[in-house]
Amino acid sequence: MKKNITIIACTAVMFLAFSSCKKAFLDEKPFSAYTPLTVTDSLGFEASLVGLYNHTSTIFSWSDQQGWPSVWQVGTDVANATNNQQGVEIPYYNYETLAATDGGSARTWNRNYILVNLTNTIVDGVENPATTSLSARGKALVSAEAKFFRAYAYNNLATLYGGVPLITKALTGPKIDFVRAPIADVNNFIVSDLVYAAANLPDIESVKTNTKGKMYGRANKFMAMQLLAEVYLRMGKPDLAEQQAQAIITSGKFSLIRNRFGVKTSLPGDYYSDMFQYGNQRRSQGNTESIWVLEQENPNAVVGGITNSPQQRRVWGAAYYNIAGMALADSLGGRSIGRLRLSNWVLYGLYKGNDIRNSQYNIRRKYYYNDPSPTYAARFGKQVPFTGPDTLINICPSTTKWGAFDPNDTFGFAMIKDFILMRLGETYLLLAEAQVAQGKTSEAATTINVLRTRANADQVTAAQMTKDFILDERARELIGEENRRMTLMRTGTLVERALRLNSGDKSKPITGLTARNLLLPIPLGEIQLNKDAVLTQNPGY
């Protein structure tokens, strides 16, 4: 027995001695890895591209600061904060407190520049001579998808900050000498990426599908064209914007929703509200208006189906459950907490006549006691009266676009809906804006009347066609959908419109709004870390 142990021990010592003399024995040799430095094959690129959608969703799903959706709406012409504000949104109506240390601006900068670096990693990989596993067409498809997201990130940055550092290659180590590129250079880079994406991305009917053939959320060329139209408008090139929007409308791939469809046609509602029902938002679910839907999955059913816990429903909807005699209900959109409320201009001055976008199914203005328990039986079915502060939070009129009830999450922390980021209704608005900018007021009226006919709203004339009217119509059509702050910053109208249309709020008034707020402050942390060059701050901050 002792002899056997000695032999084994000696063998082990000899093996270790031999191995220690050969360094190669300790060298790692990964046979499969998809890190930024090793993405050279189709599976690696596919995983990286899917990651772009995951990261993009984090731009919308920040729950650590539940007032995040309010940042982009309050202090504009369409919305005000309530007493149920959470914190991050305060500098966006109390503008004198908006400073370079602002958390909302820091988050915006961070999310978009991470997206830039993720896309640069993919583009660099495609252009790497070592990448031989993809065909020329395969490389073009990968590059086009990545470039769309790179342009999307840079358009966000350019709209909100002006000229920003232009990073065209992936960063693989620390860099502390960034400088701001002229806005013209940033714009040209965005246009170059989008032109390439529009030329090389697939048609919407040909996007990559999952096993069920329903993954329409992947990038298509019309997404690039729609974003390009918006960029051209920001650049003051309305003729080019008009071309892009017209091409989408005349493509025959999309149509405005004019009839009821989908999961709730047996219930009271209308065709406009059907577009925003959970289960109706995607093209594969019958929504012929959808151009880009950032598809999410119910996190209670699919682990990792959504990033963080988006707060859109809780922010936009009223906290009706606080009223004695009111119970949580699917028909009321589930549990919301009223972190913002629509401005008086939206509620009482924006819509005229029988505009369907102002119907009871799209903006809920009345609430009825719905708790049948004996305690509240005498109230059941009667209208909840408007009294005092209830009208600001608990039963404030609100858009229904974000309402959705998940029986697995009655507390309603997570929002389970998809994000409709581009749809045909906005395409018409971009087209009309481009036409007005060129003095084509008759054409613009025709364009707007397509939307207003669908909405059962009064027709308009060429004499009514101004930039202001287009922005009014955007609010009518896209309330609760568009990033209103970005729209008003892009058009240079934030200060004038917010002060003219929404300065009378007594609860949370707009204060300190000046021309400096047409751009956000460059985050102070970015300036301080950039010690080897000057990262210039925007004026007034």
Protein backbone atom coordinates (compact mmCIF):
# COMPACT_ATOMS: atom_id res chain seq x y z
CA MET A 1 0.00 0.00 0.00
CA LYS A 2 2.81 2.37 0.93
CA LYS A 3 4.53 1.54 -2.37
CA ASN A 4 1.45 2.53 -4.38
CA ILE A 5 1.11 5.83 -2.54
CA THR A 6 4.79 6.61 -3.19
CA ILE A 7 4.43 5.93 -6.90
CA ILE A 8 1.36 8.15 -7.17
CA ALA A 9 3.02 10.94 -5.22
CA CYS A 10 6.15 10.79 -7.35
CA THR A 11 4.09 10.83 -10.53
CA ALA A 12 2.21 13.88 -9.32
CA VAL A 13 5.45 15.70 -8.47
CA MET A 14 6.95 14.87 -11.86
CA PHE A 15 3.76 16.10 -13.60
CA LEU A 16 3.79 19.39 -11.71
CA ALA A 17 7.48 19.89 -12.33
CA PHE A 18 7.06 19.21 -16.05
CA SER A 19 4.02 21.48 -16.24
CA SER A 20 5.74 24.34 -14.44
CA CYS A 21 8.44 24.37 -17.07
CA LYS A 22 5.90 24.77 -19.87
CA LYS A 23 4.20 28.19 -19.62
CA ALA A 24 1.81 27.28 -22.41
CA PHE A 25 0.08 24.90 -20.05
CA LEU A 26 -1.30 27.89 -18.10
CA ASP A 27 -2.24 29.99 -21.10
CA GLU A 28 -5.97 30.43 -21.60
CA LYS A 29 -7.26 29.53 -25.00
CA PRO A 30 -10.98 30.35 -25.30
CA PHE A 31 -12.62 28.53 -28.17
CA SER A 32 -15.78 30.65 -28.06
CA ALA A 33 -16.25 34.15 -26.70
CA TYR A 34 -18.37 37.15 -27.60
CA THR A 35 -16.59 39.96 -25.87
CA PRO A 36 -16.07 43.27 -27.72
CA LEU A 37 -12.59 42.16 -28.80
CA THR A 38 -13.68 38.82 -30.20
CA VAL A 39 -16.91 39.47 -32.11
CA THR A 40 -16.02 38.11 -35.51
CA ASP A 41 -18.77 35.63 -36.38
CA SER A 42 -22.50 35.66 -37.01
CA LEU A 43 -23.52 34.41 -33.56
CA GLY A 44 -21.40 37.03 -31.84
CA PHE A 45 -22.76 39.82 -33.98
CA GLU A 46 -26.32 38.62 -33.48
CA ALA A 47 -25.92 38.58 -29.70
CA SER A 48 -24.39 42.06 -29.80
CA LEU A 49 -27.20 43.43 -31.97
CA VAL A 50 -29.89 42.02 -29.71
CA GLY A 51 -28.05 43.68 -26.85
CA LEU A 52 -28.68 47.07 -28.50
CA TYR A 53 -32.43 46.62 -28.04
CA ASN A 54 -31.89 45.59 -24.46
CA HIS A 55 -29.79 48.68 -23.78
CA THR A 56 -32.18 51.01 -25.62
CA SER A 57 -34.99 49.86 -23.35
CA THR A 58 -32.98 51.08 -20.35
CA ILE A 59 -33.41 54.61 -21.67
CA PHE A 60 -37.13 54.25 -20.88
CA SER A 61 -37.19 51.88 -17.92
CA TRP A 62 -35.34 53.63 -15.09
CA SER A 63 -37.28 52.90 -11.89
CA ASP A 64 -34.67 54.07 -9.37
CA GLN A 65 -36.03 57.53 -10.19
CA GLN A 66 -39.72 56.90 -10.78
CA GLY A 67 -40.28 60.44 -12.03
CA TRP A 68 -38.02 59.77 -15.03
CA PRO A 69 -40.84 59.84 -17.62
CA SER A 70 -41.94 63.20 -16.16
CA VAL A 71 -38.55 64.74 -17.01
CA TRP A 72 -39.58 64.76 -20.65
CA GLN A 73 -43.10 66.16 -20.16
CA VAL A 74 -43.49 68.46 -17.15
CA GLY A 75 -42.44 72.06 -17.56
CA THR A 76 -43.39 71.97 -21.24
CA ASP A 77 -46.73 72.94 -22.76
CA VAL A 78 -48.45 69.60 -22.14
CA ALA A 79 -47.96 68.59 -18.50
CA ASN A 80 -47.30 69.66 -14.92
CA ALA A 81 -45.86 67.88 -11.93
CA THR A 82 -48.11 66.97 -9.01
CA ASN A 83 -47.54 66.77 -5.27
CA ASN A 84 -46.65 63.14 -5.93
CA GLN A 85 -43.45 64.12 -7.68
CA GLN A 86 -40.46 61.95 -6.96
CA GLY A 87 -37.42 64.19 -7.36
CA VAL A 88 -35.60 63.80 -10.64
CA GLU A 89 -38.25 65.83 -12.49
CA ILE A 90 -38.12 68.91 -10.24
CA PRO A 91 -35.45 70.82 -12.22
CA TYR A 92 -37.53 70.35 -15.36
CA TYR A 93 -40.25 72.73 -14.24
CA ASN A 94 -38.34 74.57 -11.49
CA TYR A 95 -35.73 75.47 -14.07
CA GLU A 96 -33.52 77.67 -11.92
CA THR A 97 -32.46 74.47 -10.12
CA LEU A 98 -31.37 72.76 -13.36
CA ALA A 99 -27.59 72.59 -13.06
CA ALA A 100 -24.61 70.63 -14.32
CA THR A 101 -25.02 68.26 -11.36
CA ASP A 102 -28.50 67.23 -12.51
CA GLY A 103 -29.18 63.49 -12.33
CA GLY A 104 -31.55 63.44 -15.30
CA SER A 105 -28.99 64.97 -17.63
CA ALA A 106 -26.28 62.64 -16.33
CA ARG A 107 -28.50 59.62 -16.98
CA THR A 108 -29.30 60.83 -20.49
CA TRP A 109 -25.64 61.37 -21.36
CA ASN A 110 -24.63 58.01 -19.89
CA ARG A 111 -27.28 55.88 -21.59
CA ASN A 112 -26.69 57.39 -25.02
CA TYR A 113 -22.90 57.26 -24.94
CA ILE A 114 -22.96 53.64 -23.79
CA LEU A 115 -25.18 52.96 -26.80
CA VAL A 116 -22.65 54.75 -29.01
CA ASN A 117 -19.83 52.56 -27.74
CA LEU A 118 -21.86 49.36 -28.12
CA THR A 119 -22.61 50.22 -31.73
CA ASN A 120 -19.02 51.24 -32.44
CA THR A 121 -17.89 47.84 -31.19
CA ILE A 122 -20.16 46.13 -33.71
CA VAL A 123 -19.20 48.38 -36.62
CA ASP A 124 -15.51 47.95 -35.83
CA GLY A 125 -15.97 44.20 -35.76
CA VAL A 126 -17.67 44.15 -39.13
CA GLU A 127 -14.89 46.24 -40.64
CA ASN A 128 -12.15 44.12 -39.08
CA PRO A 129 -10.26 42.22 -41.84
CA ALA A 130 -10.29 39.18 -39.57
CA THR A 131 -14.05 38.98 -39.94
CA THR A 132 -14.38 36.53 -42.81
CA SER A 133 -17.33 34.44 -41.66
CA LEU A 134 -19.92 36.91 -42.99
CA SER A 135 -20.74 37.62 -46.60
CA ALA A 136 -20.64 41.15 -47.91
CA ARG A 137 -24.42 41.32 -47.59
CA GLY A 138 -24.26 39.92 -44.08
CA LYS A 139 -21.75 42.56 -43.08
CA ALA A 140 -23.91 45.30 -44.57
CA LEU A 141 -26.97 44.12 -42.63
CA VAL A 142 -25.09 44.00 -39.34
CA SER A 143 -23.47 47.38 -39.93
CA ALA A 144 -26.78 48.98 -40.95
CA GLU A 145 -28.57 47.81 -37.81
CA ALA A 146 -25.76 49.07 -35.60
CA LYS A 147 -25.52 52.38 -37.46
CA PHE A 148 -29.23 53.01 -36.99
CA PHE A 149 -28.80 52.80 -33.24
CA ARG A 150 -25.65 54.89 -33.34
CA ALA A 151 -27.53 57.59 -35.23
CA TYR A 152 -30.43 57.30 -32.80
CA ALA A 153 -28.09 57.89 -29.84
CA TYR A 154 -26.29 60.80 -31.49
CA ASN A 155 -29.56 62.43 -32.53
CA ASN A 156 -30.69 62.32 -28.91
CA LEU A 157 -27.40 63.87 -27.83
CA ALA A 158 -27.34 66.52 -30.55
CA THR A 159 -30.93 67.56 -29.88
CA LEU A 160 -30.39 67.86 -26.14
CA TYR A 161 -26.81 69.17 -25.92
CA GLY A 162 -25.84 70.57 -29.32
CA GLY A 163 -22.31 69.73 -30.45
CA VAL A 164 -20.97 66.76 -28.48
CA PRO A 165 -17.85 64.58 -28.55
CA LEU A 166 -17.95 62.54 -31.74
CA ILE A 167 -16.67 59.03 -31.06
CA THR A 168 -16.50 56.88 -34.16
CA LYS A 169 -14.45 53.92 -32.87
CA ALA A 170 -15.02 51.71 -29.85
CA LEU A 171 -13.20 52.76 -26.70
CA THR A 172 -11.16 49.94 -25.23
CA GLY A 173 -9.54 51.94 -22.43
CA PRO A 174 -9.84 55.19 -20.48
CA LYS A 175 -10.00 58.43 -22.47
CA ILE A 176 -9.85 61.80 -20.74
CA ASP A 177 -9.37 64.26 -23.59
CA PHE A 178 -12.79 64.53 -25.21
CA VAL A 179 -13.70 67.73 -27.03
CA ARG A 180 -17.03 68.79 -28.43
CA ALA A 181 -17.42 68.48 -32.20
CA PRO A 182 -19.27 71.23 -34.09
CA ILE A 183 -22.98 70.44 -34.40
CA ALA A 184 -22.62 70.37 -38.19
CA ASP A 185 -20.09 67.54 -37.92
CA VAL A 186 -22.35 65.57 -35.57
CA ASN A 187 -25.32 66.09 -37.87
CA ASN A 188 -23.39 64.97 -40.93
CA PHE A 189 -22.26 61.83 -39.09
CA ILE A 190 -25.86 61.04 -38.11
CA VAL A 191 -27.06 61.54 -41.68
CA SER A 192 -24.30 59.32 -43.05
CA ASP A 193 -25.27 56.51 -40.69
CA LEU A 194 -28.97 56.82 -41.45
CA VAL A 195 -28.53 56.98 -45.20
CA TYR A 196 -26.48 53.79 -44.98
CA ALA A 197 -29.06 52.18 -42.69
CA ALA A 198 -31.98 53.10 -44.95
CA ALA A 199 -30.17 51.64 -47.95
CA ASN A 200 -29.15 48.39 -46.28
CA LEU A 201 -31.72 47.52 -43.63
CA PRO A 202 -34.44 45.09 -44.68
CA ASP A 203 -37.97 45.99 -45.62
CA ILE A 204 -40.33 45.72 -42.65
CA GLU A 205 -41.78 42.50 -44.07
CA SER A 206 -38.33 40.96 -44.27
CA VAL A 207 -36.87 41.68 -40.83
CA LYS A 208 -35.39 38.82 -38.87
CA THR A 209 -38.02 36.70 -37.18
CA ASN A 210 -38.01 34.51 -34.14
CA THR A 211 -39.33 30.95 -34.14
CA LYS A 212 -42.88 32.27 -34.24
CA GLY A 213 -42.13 34.64 -37.10
CA LYS A 214 -43.19 37.70 -35.10
CA MET A 215 -40.03 39.64 -34.25
CA TYR A 216 -40.98 42.78 -36.16
CA GLY A 217 -39.28 44.89 -33.53
CA ARG A 218 -35.92 44.48 -35.28
CA ALA A 219 -34.71 47.42 -37.31
CA ASN A 220 -36.16 48.05 -40.75
CA LYS A 221 -35.36 50.69 -43.32
CA PHE A 222 -38.45 52.76 -42.54
CA MET A 223 -37.21 53.35 -39.00
CA ALA A 224 -34.07 54.89 -40.48
CA MET A 225 -36.12 56.97 -42.91
CA GLN A 226 -38.41 58.32 -40.18
CA LEU A 227 -35.48 59.29 -37.99
CA LEU A 228 -33.75 60.83 -41.00
CA ALA A 229 -36.82 63.00 -41.65
CA GLU A 230 -36.66 64.29 -38.08
CA VAL A 231 -32.91 64.94 -38.33
CA TYR A 232 -33.29 66.85 -41.59
CA LEU A 233 -35.96 69.03 -39.96
CA ARG A 234 -33.64 69.79 -37.06
CA MET A 235 -30.90 70.65 -39.57
CA GLY A 236 -33.16 73.06 -41.44
CA LYS A 237 -33.44 70.87 -44.55
CA PRO A 238 -37.21 70.43 -44.85
CA ASP A 239 -37.08 69.47 -48.53
CA LEU A 240 -35.03 66.39 -47.68
CA ALA A 241 -37.26 65.64 -44.70
CA GLU A 242 -40.30 65.78 -46.97
CA GLN A 243 -38.76 63.19 -49.30
CA GLN A 244 -38.21 60.73 -46.47
CA ALA A 245 -41.67 61.10 -44.96
CA GLN A 246 -43.39 60.88 -48.36
CA ALA A 247 -41.48 57.71 -49.16
CA ILE A 248 -42.76 56.04 -46.00
CA ILE A 249 -46.36 57.10 -46.57
CA THR A 250 -46.40 56.03 -50.22
CA SER A 251 -44.55 52.77 -49.59
CA GLY A 252 -47.83 50.89 -49.14
CA LYS A 253 -46.43 49.12 -46.08
CA PHE A 254 -48.40 51.06 -43.48
CA SER A 255 -51.90 52.38 -43.02
CA LEU A 256 -53.64 54.49 -40.41
CA ILE A 257 -55.90 52.59 -38.04
CA ARG A 258 -59.49 53.46 -38.96
CA ASN A 259 -61.42 50.46 -37.66
CA ARG A 260 -61.55 48.58 -34.41
CA PHE A 261 -59.22 45.60 -34.11
CA GLY A 262 -57.53 43.27 -31.71
CA VAL A 263 -57.96 42.01 -28.20
CA LYS A 264 -60.73 44.26 -26.85
CA THR A 265 -63.11 44.76 -29.74
CA SER A 266 -65.89 43.14 -27.70
CA LEU A 267 -65.52 45.84 -25.03
CA PRO A 268 -66.37 49.55 -25.18
CA GLY A 269 -63.69 51.55 -26.93
CA ASP A 270 -62.76 53.02 -30.29
CA TYR A 271 -60.29 52.34 -33.06
CA TYR A 272 -57.81 54.97 -31.87
CA SER A 273 -57.68 53.54 -28.35
CA ASP A 274 -57.30 50.03 -29.80
CA MET A 275 -53.82 50.96 -31.03
CA PHE A 276 -52.54 51.23 -27.47
CA GLN A 277 -54.13 48.16 -25.93
CA TYR A 278 -51.75 45.58 -24.50
CA GLY A 279 -51.73 42.88 -27.18
CA ASN A 280 -52.45 45.30 -30.04
CA GLN A 281 -49.29 47.39 -30.23
CA ARG A 282 -47.17 45.28 -32.55
CA ARG A 283 -47.43 44.91 -36.29
CA SER A 284 -47.83 41.18 -35.82
CA GLN A 285 -50.85 41.95 -33.61
CA GLY A 286 -52.63 43.88 -36.34
CA ASN A 287 -51.28 47.38 -35.74
CA THR A 288 -50.69 48.52 -39.31
CA GLU A 289 -49.51 51.92 -38.12
CA SER A 290 -46.47 50.68 -36.21
CA ILE A 291 -43.05 51.45 -37.69
CA TRP A 292 -40.85 50.83 -34.64
CA VAL A 293 -42.15 49.06 -31.57
CA LEU A 294 -39.59 48.34 -28.86
CA GLU A 295 -41.06 45.01 -27.88
CA GLN A 296 -41.08 43.97 -24.23
CA GLU A 297 -42.31 40.83 -22.51
CA ASN A 298 -44.24 40.60 -19.26
CA PRO A 299 -41.53 40.10 -16.61
CA ASN A 300 -43.95 38.02 -14.55
CA ALA A 301 -44.12 35.53 -17.41
CA VAL A 302 -40.70 35.85 -19.07
CA VAL A 303 -37.61 36.25 -16.91
CA GLY A 304 -35.64 39.20 -18.23
CA GLY A 305 -38.53 40.18 -20.51
CA ILE A 306 -38.03 43.84 -19.74
CA THR A 307 -35.21 45.90 -18.27
CA ASN A 308 -35.81 47.36 -14.81
CA SER A 309 -39.43 48.43 -14.16
CA PRO A 310 -40.73 51.14 -16.51
CA GLN A 311 -42.90 53.70 -14.71
CA GLN A 312 -44.94 55.12 -17.60
CA ARG A 313 -48.29 53.80 -16.40
CA ARG A 314 -47.72 54.95 -12.83
CA VAL A 315 -46.59 58.40 -13.97
CA TRP A 316 -49.27 59.13 -16.57
CA GLY A 317 -52.31 57.55 -14.90
CA ALA A 318 -54.41 58.87 -12.02
CA ALA A 319 -54.19 57.43 -8.49
CA TYR A 320 -57.92 56.70 -8.40
CA TYR A 321 -57.51 53.83 -5.93
CA ASN A 322 -56.92 56.43 -3.20
CA ILE A 323 -60.61 57.37 -3.37
CA ALA A 324 -62.80 55.43 -0.93
CA GLY A 325 -65.16 53.32 -3.01
CA MET A 326 -62.73 52.91 -5.90
CA ALA A 327 -61.10 49.54 -6.56
CA LEU A 328 -58.26 48.62 -8.90
CA ALA A 329 -59.63 47.59 -12.27
CA ASP A 330 -58.40 46.53 -15.68
CA SER A 331 -60.93 48.89 -17.26
CA LEU A 332 -59.21 51.78 -15.45
CA GLY A 333 -55.73 50.76 -16.55
CA GLY A 334 -54.56 49.13 -13.34
CA ARG A 335 -52.73 50.95 -10.58
CA SER A 336 -51.23 54.36 -11.31
CA ILE A 337 -49.98 57.04 -8.93
CA GLY A 338 -50.39 60.34 -10.78
CA ARG A 339 -46.85 61.70 -10.88
CA LEU A 340 -47.88 64.19 -13.57
CA ARG A 341 -51.09 65.67 -14.89
CA LEU A 342 -52.04 67.07 -18.25
CA SER A 343 -51.90 70.85 -18.55
CA ASN A 344 -55.03 72.94 -18.60
CA TRP A 345 -54.22 73.84 -22.20
CA VAL A 346 -54.34 70.17 -23.20
CA LEU A 347 -57.47 69.47 -21.18
CA TYR A 348 -59.53 72.53 -22.04
CA GLY A 349 -58.01 74.25 -25.05
CA LEU A 350 -56.43 71.70 -27.35
CA TYR A 351 -59.27 69.55 -28.66
CA LYS A 352 -62.36 70.77 -30.46
CA GLY A 353 -65.56 69.07 -31.51
CA ASN A 354 -65.77 65.30 -31.61
CA ASP A 355 -62.07 64.59 -32.03
CA ILE A 356 -61.73 60.88 -31.25
CA ARG A 357 -58.33 61.49 -29.64
CA ASN A 358 -60.24 63.28 -26.87
CA SER A 359 -62.86 60.56 -26.42
CA GLN A 360 -63.56 58.99 -23.03
CA TYR A 361 -61.52 55.99 -24.15
CA ASN A 362 -58.41 58.06 -24.83
CA ILE A 363 -58.49 60.75 -22.17
CA ARG A 364 -60.36 59.63 -19.08
CA ARG A 365 -62.06 62.61 -17.46
CA LYS A 366 -64.74 60.94 -15.31
CA TYR A 367 -64.54 58.21 -12.69
CA TYR A 368 -67.33 56.10 -11.24
CA TYR A 369 -67.36 54.27 -7.93
CA ASN A 370 -66.67 50.65 -8.74
CA ASP A 371 -66.27 48.92 -5.39
CA PRO A 372 -69.40 46.75 -4.87
CA SER A 373 -68.57 45.81 -1.29
CA PRO A 374 -71.29 46.52 1.31
CA THR A 375 -69.32 49.46 2.71
CA TYR A 376 -69.60 51.37 -0.55
CA ALA A 377 -72.74 49.81 -2.08
CA ALA A 378 -74.70 53.06 -1.89
CA ARG A 379 -72.10 54.81 -4.06
CA PHE A 380 -71.60 52.03 -6.59
CA GLY A 381 -71.98 53.23 -10.19
CA LYS A 382 -72.22 56.92 -9.31
CA GLN A 383 -69.73 59.47 -10.60
CA VAL A 384 -66.90 60.40 -8.27
CA PRO A 385 -67.22 64.14 -7.58
CA PHE A 386 -64.34 66.48 -8.26
CA THR A 387 -63.23 67.91 -4.95
CA GLY A 388 -60.09 69.76 -3.89
CA PRO A 389 -56.70 68.14 -4.48
CA ASP A 390 -58.29 64.93 -5.78
CA THR A 391 -58.43 66.57 -9.18
CA LEU A 392 -54.65 66.97 -9.24
CA ILE A 393 -53.62 63.37 -8.51
CA ASN A 394 -56.39 60.92 -7.72
CA ILE A 395 -58.96 61.60 -10.42
CA CYS A 396 -57.11 64.00 -12.66
CA PRO A 397 -57.98 63.59 -16.34
CA SER A 398 -55.31 61.43 -17.91
CA THR A 399 -54.33 59.65 -21.11
CA THR A 400 -55.22 55.98 -21.26
CA LYS A 401 -52.33 55.06 -23.55
CA TRP A 402 -50.24 53.49 -20.79
CA GLY A 403 -52.98 51.72 -18.90
CA ALA A 404 -52.59 47.95 -18.53
CA PHE A 405 -53.50 45.64 -15.69
CA ASP A 406 -51.44 42.58 -14.85
CA PRO A 407 -53.28 40.22 -12.47
CA ASN A 408 -49.90 38.85 -11.37
CA ASP A 409 -48.85 42.30 -10.19
CA THR A 410 -51.86 44.05 -8.71
CA PHE A 411 -49.58 46.54 -6.96
CA GLY A 412 -48.62 47.60 -10.47
CA PHE A 413 -44.93 48.36 -10.10
CA ALA A 414 -43.79 47.16 -13.52
CA MET A 415 -45.27 48.40 -16.77
CA ILE A 416 -45.87 45.50 -19.17
CA LYS A 417 -46.58 47.34 -22.41
CA ASP A 418 -44.38 47.70 -25.47
CA PHE A 419 -42.97 51.10 -26.41
CA ILE A 420 -44.39 52.44 -29.69
CA LEU A 421 -41.47 54.65 -30.71
CA MET A 422 -42.48 55.35 -34.31
CA ARG A 423 -45.81 55.12 -36.05
CA LEU A 424 -47.42 56.40 -39.21
CA GLY A 425 -49.42 59.12 -37.45
CA GLU A 426 -46.16 60.90 -36.66
CA THR A 427 -44.93 60.43 -40.22
CA TYR A 428 -47.80 62.62 -41.42
CA LEU A 429 -46.89 65.22 -38.81
CA LEU A 430 -43.24 65.27 -39.88
CA LEU A 431 -44.35 65.63 -43.50
CA ALA A 432 -46.65 68.53 -42.68
CA GLU A 433 -43.90 70.22 -40.66
CA ALA A 434 -41.53 69.92 -43.61
CA GLN A 435 -44.14 71.32 -45.97
CA VAL A 436 -44.90 74.30 -43.72
CA ALA A 437 -41.18 75.07 -43.45
CA GLN A 438 -41.07 75.33 -47.24
CA GLY A 439 -44.17 77.51 -47.48
CA LYS A 440 -46.24 74.65 -48.91
CA THR A 441 -49.23 75.46 -46.75
CA SER A 442 -51.86 73.95 -49.06
CA GLU A 443 -49.97 70.66 -49.17
CA ALA A 444 -49.52 70.77 -45.40
CA ALA A 445 -53.25 71.24 -44.86
CA THR A 446 -53.94 68.23 -47.07
CA THR A 447 -51.46 66.17 -45.07
CA ILE A 448 -52.88 67.23 -41.70
CA ASN A 449 -56.43 66.62 -42.88
CA VAL A 450 -55.61 62.96 -43.43
CA LEU A 451 -54.97 62.67 -39.70
CA ARG A 452 -57.93 64.84 -38.77
CA THR A 453 -60.28 62.86 -40.99
CA ARG A 454 -59.16 59.70 -39.20
CA ALA A 455 -59.76 61.48 -35.89
CA ASN A 456 -63.22 62.78 -36.86
CA ALA A 457 -61.90 66.32 -36.31
CA ASP A 458 -62.77 69.44 -38.28
CA GLN A 459 -60.80 69.98 -41.46
CA VAL A 460 -58.18 72.74 -41.61
CA THR A 461 -57.14 75.20 -44.29
CA ALA A 462 -53.85 76.39 -45.70
CA ALA A 463 -54.24 79.66 -43.78
CA GLN A 464 -54.05 77.73 -40.51
CA MET A 465 -50.80 76.00 -41.37
CA THR A 466 -47.99 77.28 -39.16
CA LYS A 467 -45.27 75.64 -37.10
CA ASP A 468 -47.37 76.32 -34.01
CA PHE A 469 -50.36 74.54 -35.48
CA ILE A 470 -48.22 71.52 -36.34
CA LEU A 471 -46.94 71.42 -32.76
CA ASP A 472 -50.53 71.67 -31.52
CA GLU A 473 -51.49 68.76 -33.74
CA ARG A 474 -48.51 66.74 -32.50
CA ALA A 475 -49.88 67.15 -28.99
CA ARG A 476 -53.35 66.07 -30.08
CA GLU A 477 -52.04 63.00 -31.86
CA LEU A 478 -49.01 62.00 -29.78
CA ILE A 479 -49.81 63.03 -26.20
CA GLY A 480 -48.26 60.46 -23.89
CA GLU A 481 -46.15 59.01 -26.72
CA GLU A 482 -43.69 61.59 -27.94
CA ASN A 483 -40.83 63.00 -25.93
CA ARG A 484 -42.40 66.44 -25.77
CA ARG A 485 -39.33 68.14 -24.34
CA MET A 486 -37.17 66.90 -27.21
CA THR A 487 -39.73 68.00 -29.79
CA LEU A 488 -39.85 71.52 -28.38
CA MET A 489 -36.07 71.68 -28.03
CA ARG A 490 -35.64 70.44 -31.60
CA THR A 491 -37.99 73.12 -32.91
CA GLY A 492 -36.61 75.85 -30.64
CA THR A 493 -40.07 76.51 -29.16
CA LEU A 494 -39.78 75.20 -25.59
CA VAL A 495 -39.55 78.56 -23.86
CA GLU A 496 -42.22 80.39 -25.85
CA ARG A 497 -44.80 77.59 -25.83
CA ALA A 498 -44.35 76.53 -22.22
CA LEU A 499 -44.67 80.09 -20.95
CA ARG A 500 -47.57 80.97 -23.24
CA LEU A 501 -49.61 77.80 -22.83
CA ASN A 502 -48.69 76.42 -19.42
CA SER A 503 -47.62 79.22 -17.09
CA GLY A 504 -50.86 79.39 -15.11
CA ASP A 505 -50.43 76.24 -13.01
CA LYS A 506 -50.76 77.20 -9.34
CA SER A 507 -49.67 73.90 -7.80
CA LYS A 508 -46.31 73.31 -9.49
CA PRO A 509 -45.70 76.40 -11.65
CA ILE A 510 -43.00 76.69 -14.28
CA THR A 511 -40.28 78.97 -12.95
CA GLY A 512 -36.90 80.12 -14.22
CA LEU A 513 -37.39 78.96 -17.81
CA THR A 514 -35.07 80.87 -20.17
CA ALA A 515 -33.35 80.42 -23.50
CA ARG A 516 -30.50 78.52 -21.83
CA ASN A 517 -32.92 75.61 -21.36
CA LEU A 518 -33.08 74.99 -25.10
CA LEU A 519 -30.05 72.80 -24.31
CA LEU A 520 -29.32 70.63 -21.28
CA PRO A 521 -26.22 71.07 -19.13
CA ILE A 522 -23.22 68.89 -19.90
CA PRO A 523 -22.90 66.67 -16.79
CA LEU A 524 -20.33 68.10 -14.42
CA GLY A 525 -18.86 64.68 -13.74
CA GLU A 526 -17.99 64.29 -17.41
CA ILE A 527 -16.26 67.68 -17.44
CA GLN A 528 -14.28 66.95 -14.29
CA LEU A 529 -13.08 63.53 -15.44
CA ASN A 530 -11.97 64.94 -18.78
CA LYS A 531 -8.74 66.39 -17.35
CA ASP A 532 -6.60 66.41 -20.51
CA ALA A 533 -8.92 68.62 -22.59
CA VAL A 534 -11.69 71.15 -22.10
CA LEU A 535 -15.21 69.79 -22.43
CA THR A 536 -17.04 73.08 -22.79
CA GLN A 537 -20.23 73.61 -20.79
CA ASN A 538 -23.40 74.90 -22.47
CA PRO A 539 -24.08 78.61 -21.89
CA GLY A 540 -25.88 79.52 -18.70
CA TYR A 541 -24.89 76.46 -16.70
